[in-house]
Amino acid sequence: AFAGMFAGQMVRTRMHPDVFRRWFLI
């Protein structure tokens, strides 16, 4: 989980969170 969190935080700076959030909710 921590490894995934760190990777996600790195992606957050490059990817718009709203786009990811939409596909996550779908």
PDB file of all heavy atoms in Angstrom:
ATOM      1  N   ALA A   1       0.830  -1.208   0.000  1.00  0.00           N
ATOM      2  CA  ALA A   1       0.000   0.000   0.000  1.00  0.00           C
ATOM      3  C   ALA A   1       0.861   1.254   0.000  1.00  0.00           C
ATOM      4  O   ALA A   1       0.587   2.216  -0.739  1.00  0.00           O
ATOM      5  CB  ALA A   1      -0.936  -0.003   1.204  1.00  0.00           C
ATOM      6  N   PHE A   2       1.916   1.282   0.818  1.00  0.00           N
ATOM      7  CA  PHE A   2       2.783   2.453   0.858  1.00  0.00           C
ATOM      8  C   PHE A   2       3.534   2.626  -0.463  1.00  0.00           C
ATOM      9  O   PHE A   2       3.707   3.743  -0.946  1.00  0.00           O
ATOM     10  CB  PHE A   2       3.765   2.347   2.021  1.00  0.00           C
ATOM     11  CG  PHE A   2       3.255   2.954   3.290  1.00  0.00           C
ATOM     12  CD1 PHE A   2       2.859   2.150   4.350  1.00  0.00           C
ATOM     13  CD2 PHE A   2       3.140   4.327   3.433  1.00  0.00           C
ATOM     14  CE1 PHE A   2       2.365   2.704   5.519  1.00  0.00           C
ATOM     15  CE2 PHE A   2       2.658   4.899   4.604  1.00  0.00           C
ATOM     16  CZ  PHE A   2       2.271   4.081   5.657  1.00  0.00           C
ATOM     17  N   ALA A   3       3.977   1.506  -1.058  1.00  0.00           N
ATOM     18  CA  ALA A   3       4.649   1.591  -2.359  1.00  0.00           C
ATOM     19  C   ALA A   3       3.700   2.168  -3.400  1.00  0.00           C
ATOM     20  O   ALA A   3       4.077   3.036  -4.209  1.00  0.00           O
ATOM     21  CB  ALA A   3       5.134   0.206  -2.787  1.00  0.00           C
ATOM     22  N   GLY A   4       2.459   1.693  -3.384  1.00  0.00           N
ATOM     23  CA  GLY A   4       1.471   2.222  -4.319  1.00  0.00           C
ATOM     24  C   GLY A   4       1.175   3.690  -4.074  1.00  0.00           C
ATOM     25  O   GLY A   4       1.016   4.478  -5.020  1.00  0.00           O
ATOM     26  N   MET A   5       1.112   4.099  -2.797  1.00  0.00           N
ATOM     27  CA  MET A   5       0.849   5.502  -2.471  1.00  0.00           C
ATOM     28  C   MET A   5       1.936   6.427  -2.997  1.00  0.00           C
ATOM     29  O   MET A   5       1.649   7.477  -3.576  1.00  0.00           O
ATOM     30  CB  MET A   5       0.716   5.676  -0.956  1.00  0.00           C
ATOM     31  CG  MET A   5      -0.618   5.248  -0.379  1.00  0.00           C
ATOM     32  SD  MET A   5      -0.685   5.450   1.428  1.00  0.00           S
ATOM     33  CE  MET A   5      -0.431   7.221   1.578  1.00  0.00           C
ATOM     34  N   PHE A   6       3.177   6.014  -2.811  1.00  0.00           N
ATOM     35  CA  PHE A   6       4.276   6.851  -3.300  1.00  0.00           C
ATOM     36  C   PHE A   6       4.233   6.968  -4.822  1.00  0.00           C
ATOM     37  O   PHE A   6       4.454   8.044  -5.381  1.00  0.00           O
ATOM     38  CB  PHE A   6       5.616   6.290  -2.839  1.00  0.00           C
ATOM     39  CG  PHE A   6       5.899   6.508  -1.382  1.00  0.00           C
ATOM     40  CD1 PHE A   6       6.256   5.458  -0.562  1.00  0.00           C
ATOM     41  CD2 PHE A   6       5.796   7.778  -0.829  1.00  0.00           C
ATOM     42  CE1 PHE A   6       6.496   5.653   0.793  1.00  0.00           C
ATOM     43  CE2 PHE A   6       6.034   7.992   0.535  1.00  0.00           C
ATOM     44  CZ  PHE A   6       6.395   6.926   1.340  1.00  0.00           C
ATOM     45  N   ALA A   7       3.931   5.861  -5.501  1.00  0.00           N
ATOM     46  CA  ALA A   7       3.811   5.895  -6.962  1.00  0.00           C
ATOM     47  C   ALA A   7       2.648   6.789  -7.376  1.00  0.00           C
ATOM     48  O   ALA A   7       2.749   7.574  -8.325  1.00  0.00           O
ATOM     49  CB  ALA A   7       3.625   4.482  -7.510  1.00  0.00           C
ATOM     50  N   GLY A   8       1.539   6.681  -6.650  1.00  0.00           N
ATOM     51  CA  GLY A   8       0.376   7.502  -6.969  1.00  0.00           C
ATOM     52  C   GLY A   8       0.639   8.984  -6.778  1.00  0.00           C
ATOM     53  O   GLY A   8       0.184   9.822  -7.566  1.00  0.00           O
ATOM     54  N   GLN A   9       1.386   9.321  -5.736  1.00  0.00           N
ATOM     55  CA  GLN A   9       1.708  10.725  -5.499  1.00  0.00           C
ATOM     56  C   GLN A   9       2.594  11.289  -6.602  1.00  0.00           C
ATOM     57  O   GLN A   9       2.473  12.464  -6.973  1.00  0.00           O
ATOM     58  CB  GLN A   9       2.387  10.872  -4.135  1.00  0.00           C
ATOM     59  CG  GLN A   9       1.434  10.665  -2.965  1.00  0.00           C
ATOM     60  CD  GLN A   9       2.151  10.538  -1.628  1.00  0.00           C
ATOM     61  OE1 GLN A   9       3.372  10.407  -1.577  1.00  0.00           O
ATOM     62  NE2 GLN A   9       1.393  10.556  -0.552  1.00  0.00           N
ATOM     63  N   MET A  10       3.475  10.453  -7.159  1.00  0.00           N
ATOM     64  CA  MET A  10       4.313  10.893  -8.272  1.00  0.00           C
ATOM     65  C   MET A  10       3.468  11.116  -9.522  1.00  0.00           C
ATOM     66  O   MET A  10       3.664  12.090 -10.258  1.00  0.00           O
ATOM     67  CB  MET A  10       5.403   9.849  -8.541  1.00  0.00           C
ATOM     68  CG  MET A  10       6.431   9.724  -7.431  1.00  0.00           C
ATOM     69  SD  MET A  10       7.632   8.402  -7.745  1.00  0.00           S
ATOM     70  CE  MET A  10       8.405   8.987  -9.246  1.00  0.00           C
ATOM     71  N   VAL A  11       2.506  10.209  -9.751  1.00  0.00           N
ATOM     72  CA  VAL A  11       1.631  10.346 -10.916  1.00  0.00           C
ATOM     73  C   VAL A  11       0.725  11.563 -10.768  1.00  0.00           C
ATOM     74  O   VAL A  11       0.380  12.220 -11.750  1.00  0.00           O
ATOM     75  CB  VAL A  11       0.793   9.059 -11.114  1.00  0.00           C
ATOM     76  CG1 VAL A  11      -0.295   9.264 -12.169  1.00  0.00           C
ATOM     77  CG2 VAL A  11       1.685   7.898 -11.506  1.00  0.00           C
ATOM     78  N   ARG A  12       0.321  11.866  -9.532  1.00  0.00           N
ATOM     79  CA  ARG A  12      -0.587  12.998  -9.281  1.00  0.00           C
ATOM     80  C   ARG A  12      -0.036  14.292  -9.857  1.00  0.00           C
ATOM     81  O   ARG A  12      -0.782  15.158 -10.326  1.00  0.00           O
ATOM     82  CB  ARG A  12      -0.822  13.164  -7.777  1.00  0.00           C
ATOM     83  CG  ARG A  12      -1.804  14.281  -7.442  1.00  0.00           C
ATOM     84  CD  ARG A  12      -1.808  14.630  -5.973  1.00  0.00           C
ATOM     85  NE  ARG A  12      -2.339  13.571  -5.156  1.00  0.00           N
ATOM     86  CZ  ARG A  12      -2.396  13.615  -3.820  1.00  0.00           C
ATOM     87  NH1 ARG A  12      -1.936  14.677  -3.187  1.00  0.00           N
ATOM     88  NH2 ARG A  12      -2.878  12.600  -3.145  1.00  0.00           N
ATOM     89  N   THR A  13       1.297  14.450  -9.819  1.00  0.00           N
ATOM     90  CA  THR A  13       1.901  15.684 -10.318  1.00  0.00           C
ATOM     91  C   THR A  13       1.869  15.759 -11.844  1.00  0.00           C
ATOM     92  O   THR A  13       2.064  16.838 -12.408  1.00  0.00           O
ATOM     93  CB  THR A  13       3.363  15.789  -9.833  1.00  0.00           C
ATOM     94  OG1 THR A  13       4.114  14.681 -10.356  1.00  0.00           O
ATOM     95  CG2 THR A  13       3.424  15.763  -8.320  1.00  0.00           C
ATOM     96  N   ARG A  14       1.638  14.626 -12.518  1.00  0.00           N
ATOM     97  CA  ARG A  14       1.671  14.610 -13.985  1.00  0.00           C
ATOM     98  C   ARG A  14       0.296  14.378 -14.611  1.00  0.00           C
ATOM     99  O   ARG A  14       0.083  14.708 -15.766  1.00  0.00           O
ATOM    100  CB  ARG A  14       2.614  13.500 -14.467  1.00  0.00           C
ATOM    101  CG  ARG A  14       4.043  13.647 -13.960  1.00  0.00           C
ATOM    102  CD  ARG A  14       4.942  12.559 -14.511  1.00  0.00           C
ATOM    103  NE  ARG A  14       6.302  12.680 -14.025  1.00  0.00           N
ATOM    104  CZ  ARG A  14       7.296  11.869 -14.380  1.00  0.00           C
ATOM    105  NH1 ARG A  14       7.053  10.870 -15.224  1.00  0.00           N
ATOM    106  NH2 ARG A  14       8.513  12.041 -13.906  1.00  0.00           N
ATOM    107  N   MET A  15      -0.615  13.789 -13.847  1.00  0.00           N
ATOM    108  CA  MET A  15      -1.918  13.426 -14.401  1.00  0.00           C
ATOM    109  C   MET A  15      -3.000  14.213 -13.680  1.00  0.00           C
ATOM    110  O   MET A  15      -2.943  14.386 -12.456  1.00  0.00           O
ATOM    111  CB  MET A  15      -2.155  11.917 -14.207  1.00  0.00           C
ATOM    112  CG  MET A  15      -3.476  11.415 -14.725  1.00  0.00           C
ATOM    113  SD  MET A  15      -3.627   9.632 -14.411  1.00  0.00           S
ATOM    114  CE  MET A  15      -5.219   9.301 -15.151  1.00  0.00           C
ATOM    115  N   HIS A  16      -3.984  14.677 -14.428  1.00  0.00           N
ATOM    116  CA  HIS A  16      -5.066  15.433 -13.803  1.00  0.00           C
ATOM    117  C   HIS A  16      -5.881  14.497 -12.917  1.00  0.00           C
ATOM    118  O   HIS A  16      -6.446  13.508 -13.396  1.00  0.00           O
ATOM    119  CB  HIS A  16      -5.978  16.041 -14.866  1.00  0.00           C
ATOM    120  CG  HIS A  16      -6.788  17.187 -14.341  1.00  0.00           C
ATOM    121  ND1 HIS A  16      -7.805  17.024 -13.429  1.00  0.00           N
ATOM    122  CD2 HIS A  16      -6.716  18.528 -14.582  1.00  0.00           C
ATOM    123  CE1 HIS A  16      -8.329  18.191 -13.129  1.00  0.00           C
ATOM    124  NE2 HIS A  16      -7.696  19.124 -13.810  1.00  0.00           N
ATOM    125  N   PRO A  17      -5.956  14.765 -11.595  1.00  0.00           N
ATOM    126  CA  PRO A  17      -6.663  13.862 -10.681  1.00  0.00           C
ATOM    127  C   PRO A  17      -8.119  13.638 -11.049  1.00  0.00           C
ATOM    128  O   PRO A  17      -8.662  12.556 -10.819  1.00  0.00           O
ATOM    129  CB  PRO A  17      -6.541  14.573  -9.323  1.00  0.00           C
ATOM    130  CG  PRO A  17      -5.343  15.442  -9.450  1.00  0.00           C
ATOM    131  CD  PRO A  17      -5.323  15.874 -10.884  1.00  0.00           C
ATOM    132  N   ASP A  18      -8.785  14.643 -11.635  1.00  0.00           N
ATOM    133  CA  ASP A  18     -10.201  14.495 -11.977  1.00  0.00           C
ATOM    134  C   ASP A  18     -10.422  13.425 -13.040  1.00  0.00           C
ATOM    135  O   ASP A  18     -11.413  12.688 -13.012  1.00  0.00           O
ATOM    136  CB  ASP A  18     -10.784  15.824 -12.463  1.00  0.00           C
ATOM    137  CG  ASP A  18     -10.998  16.807 -11.326  1.00  0.00           C
ATOM    138  OD1 ASP A  18     -10.993  16.357 -10.160  1.00  0.00           O
ATOM    139  OD2 ASP A  18     -11.164  18.003 -11.593  1.00  0.00           O
ATOM    140  N   VAL A  19      -9.492  13.321 -13.996  1.00  0.00           N
ATOM    141  CA  VAL A  19      -9.602  12.296 -15.046  1.00  0.00           C
ATOM    142  C   VAL A  19      -9.456  10.907 -14.431  1.00  0.00           C
ATOM    143  O   VAL A  19     -10.245   9.999 -14.704  1.00  0.00           O
ATOM    144  CB  VAL A  19      -8.530  12.522 -16.133  1.00  0.00           C
ATOM    145  CG1 VAL A  19      -8.565  11.387 -17.164  1.00  0.00           C
ATOM    146  CG2 VAL A  19      -8.742  13.867 -16.818  1.00  0.00           C
ATOM    147  N   PHE A  20      -8.438  10.754 -13.588  1.00  0.00           N
ATOM    148  CA  PHE A  20      -8.222   9.471 -12.940  1.00  0.00           C
ATOM    149  C   PHE A  20      -9.400   9.125 -12.035  1.00  0.00           C
ATOM    150  O   PHE A  20      -9.869   7.978 -12.004  1.00  0.00           O
ATOM    151  CB  PHE A  20      -6.934   9.502 -12.122  1.00  0.00           C
ATOM    152  CG  PHE A  20      -6.565   8.175 -11.520  1.00  0.00           C
ATOM    153  CD1 PHE A  20      -5.797   7.277 -12.231  1.00  0.00           C
ATOM    154  CD2 PHE A  20      -7.005   7.817 -10.266  1.00  0.00           C
ATOM    155  CE1 PHE A  20      -5.458   6.051 -11.688  1.00  0.00           C
ATOM    156  CE2 PHE A  20      -6.685   6.598  -9.707  1.00  0.00           C
ATOM    157  CZ  PHE A  20      -5.892   5.713 -10.429  1.00  0.00           C
ATOM    158  N   ARG A  21      -9.900  10.139 -11.301  1.00  0.00           N
ATOM    159  CA  ARG A  21     -11.015   9.919 -10.372  1.00  0.00           C
ATOM    160  C   ARG A  21     -12.248   9.433 -11.126  1.00  0.00           C
ATOM    161  O   ARG A  21     -12.965   8.547 -10.642  1.00  0.00           O
ATOM    162  CB  ARG A  21     -11.325  11.213  -9.625  1.00  0.00           C
ATOM    163  CG  ARG A  21     -12.447  11.124  -8.608  1.00  0.00           C
ATOM    164  CD  ARG A  21     -12.595  12.450  -7.875  1.00  0.00           C
ATOM    165  NE  ARG A  21     -13.680  12.398  -6.914  1.00  0.00           N
ATOM    166  CZ  ARG A  21     -14.947  12.634  -7.203  1.00  0.00           C
ATOM    167  NH1 ARG A  21     -15.280  12.937  -8.454  1.00  0.00           N
ATOM    168  NH2 ARG A  21     -15.884  12.563  -6.277  1.00  0.00           N
ATOM    169  N   ARG A  22     -12.509   9.975 -12.316  1.00  0.00           N
ATOM    170  CA  ARG A  22     -13.684   9.570 -13.084  1.00  0.00           C
ATOM    171  C   ARG A  22     -13.608   8.090 -13.464  1.00  0.00           C
ATOM    172  O   ARG A  22     -14.568   7.337 -13.286  1.00  0.00           O
ATOM    173  CB  ARG A  22     -13.807  10.434 -14.343  1.00  0.00           C
ATOM    174  CG  ARG A  22     -15.090  10.173 -15.141  1.00  0.00           C
ATOM    175  CD  ARG A  22     -15.152  11.024 -16.386  1.00  0.00           C
ATOM    176  NE  ARG A  22     -14.910  12.430 -16.099  1.00  0.00           N
ATOM    177  CZ  ARG A  22     -13.872  13.134 -16.560  1.00  0.00           C
ATOM    178  NH1 ARG A  22     -12.981  12.550 -17.335  1.00  0.00           N
ATOM    179  NH2 ARG A  22     -13.734  14.393 -16.258  1.00  0.00           N
ATOM    180  N   TRP A  23     -12.455   7.664 -13.986  1.00  0.00           N
ATOM    181  CA  TRP A  23     -12.319   6.255 -14.390  1.00  0.00           C
ATOM    182  C   TRP A  23     -12.296   5.328 -13.184  1.00  0.00           C
ATOM    183  O   TRP A  23     -12.774   4.196 -13.246  1.00  0.00           O
ATOM    184  CB  TRP A  23     -11.072   6.077 -15.247  1.00  0.00           C
ATOM    185  CG  TRP A  23     -11.265   6.616 -16.627  1.00  0.00           C
ATOM    186  CD1 TRP A  23     -10.737   7.758 -17.157  1.00  0.00           C
ATOM    187  CD2 TRP A  23     -12.100   6.051 -17.645  1.00  0.00           C
ATOM    188  NE1 TRP A  23     -11.180   7.938 -18.434  1.00  0.00           N
ATOM    189  CE2 TRP A  23     -12.009   6.904 -18.775  1.00  0.00           C
ATOM    190  CE3 TRP A  23     -12.898   4.907 -17.714  1.00  0.00           C
ATOM    191  CZ2 TRP A  23     -12.698   6.638 -19.962  1.00  0.00           C
ATOM    192  CZ3 TRP A  23     -13.585   4.644 -18.893  1.00  0.00           C
ATOM    193  CH2 TRP A  23     -13.482   5.498 -19.998  1.00  0.00           C
ATOM    194  N   PHE A  24     -11.739   5.821 -12.086  1.00  0.00           N
ATOM    195  CA  PHE A  24     -11.766   5.035 -10.854  1.00  0.00           C
ATOM    196  C   PHE A  24     -13.196   4.785 -10.406  1.00  0.00           C
ATOM    197  O   PHE A  24     -13.580   3.661 -10.064  1.00  0.00           O
ATOM    198  CB  PHE A  24     -10.979   5.779  -9.770  1.00  0.00           C
ATOM    199  CG  PHE A  24     -11.305   5.344  -8.359  1.00  0.00           C
ATOM    200  CD1 PHE A  24     -10.998   4.076  -7.915  1.00  0.00           C
ATOM    201  CD2 PHE A  24     -11.922   6.221  -7.476  1.00  0.00           C
ATOM    202  CE1 PHE A  24     -11.303   3.678  -6.611  1.00  0.00           C
ATOM    203  CE2 PHE A  24     -12.227   5.841  -6.184  1.00  0.00           C
ATOM    204  CZ  PHE A  24     -11.906   4.570  -5.754  1.00  0.00           C
ATOM    205  N   LEU A  25     -14.036   5.815 -10.418  1.00  0.00           N
ATOM    206  CA  LEU A  25     -15.421   5.670  -9.982  1.00  0.00           C
ATOM    207  C   LEU A  25     -16.218   4.780 -10.927  1.00  0.00           C
ATOM    208  O   LEU A  25     -17.070   4.000 -10.491  1.00  0.00           O
ATOM    209  CB  LEU A  25     -16.080   7.045  -9.871  1.00  0.00           C
ATOM    210  CG  LEU A  25     -15.550   7.928  -8.721  1.00  0.00           C
ATOM    211  CD1 LEU A  25     -16.065   9.361  -8.860  1.00  0.00           C
ATOM    212  CD2 LEU A  25     -15.938   7.349  -7.376  1.00  0.00           C
ATOM    213  N   ILE A  26     -15.938   4.864 -12.226  1.00  0.00           N
ATOM    214  CA  ILE A  26     -16.590   3.963 -13.186  1.00  0.00           C
ATOM    215  C   ILE A  26     -16.221   2.516 -12.872  1.00  0.00           C
ATOM    216  O   ILE A  26     -17.070   1.615 -12.902  1.00  0.00           O
ATOM    217  CB  ILE A  26     -16.187   4.335 -14.627  1.00  0.00           C
ATOM    218  CG1 ILE A  26     -16.808   5.678 -15.022  1.00  0.00           C
ATOM    219  CG2 ILE A  26     -16.630   3.248 -15.612  1.00  0.00           C
ATOM    220  CD1 ILE A  26     -16.316   6.216 -16.348  1.00  0.00           C
TER     221      ILE A  26
END
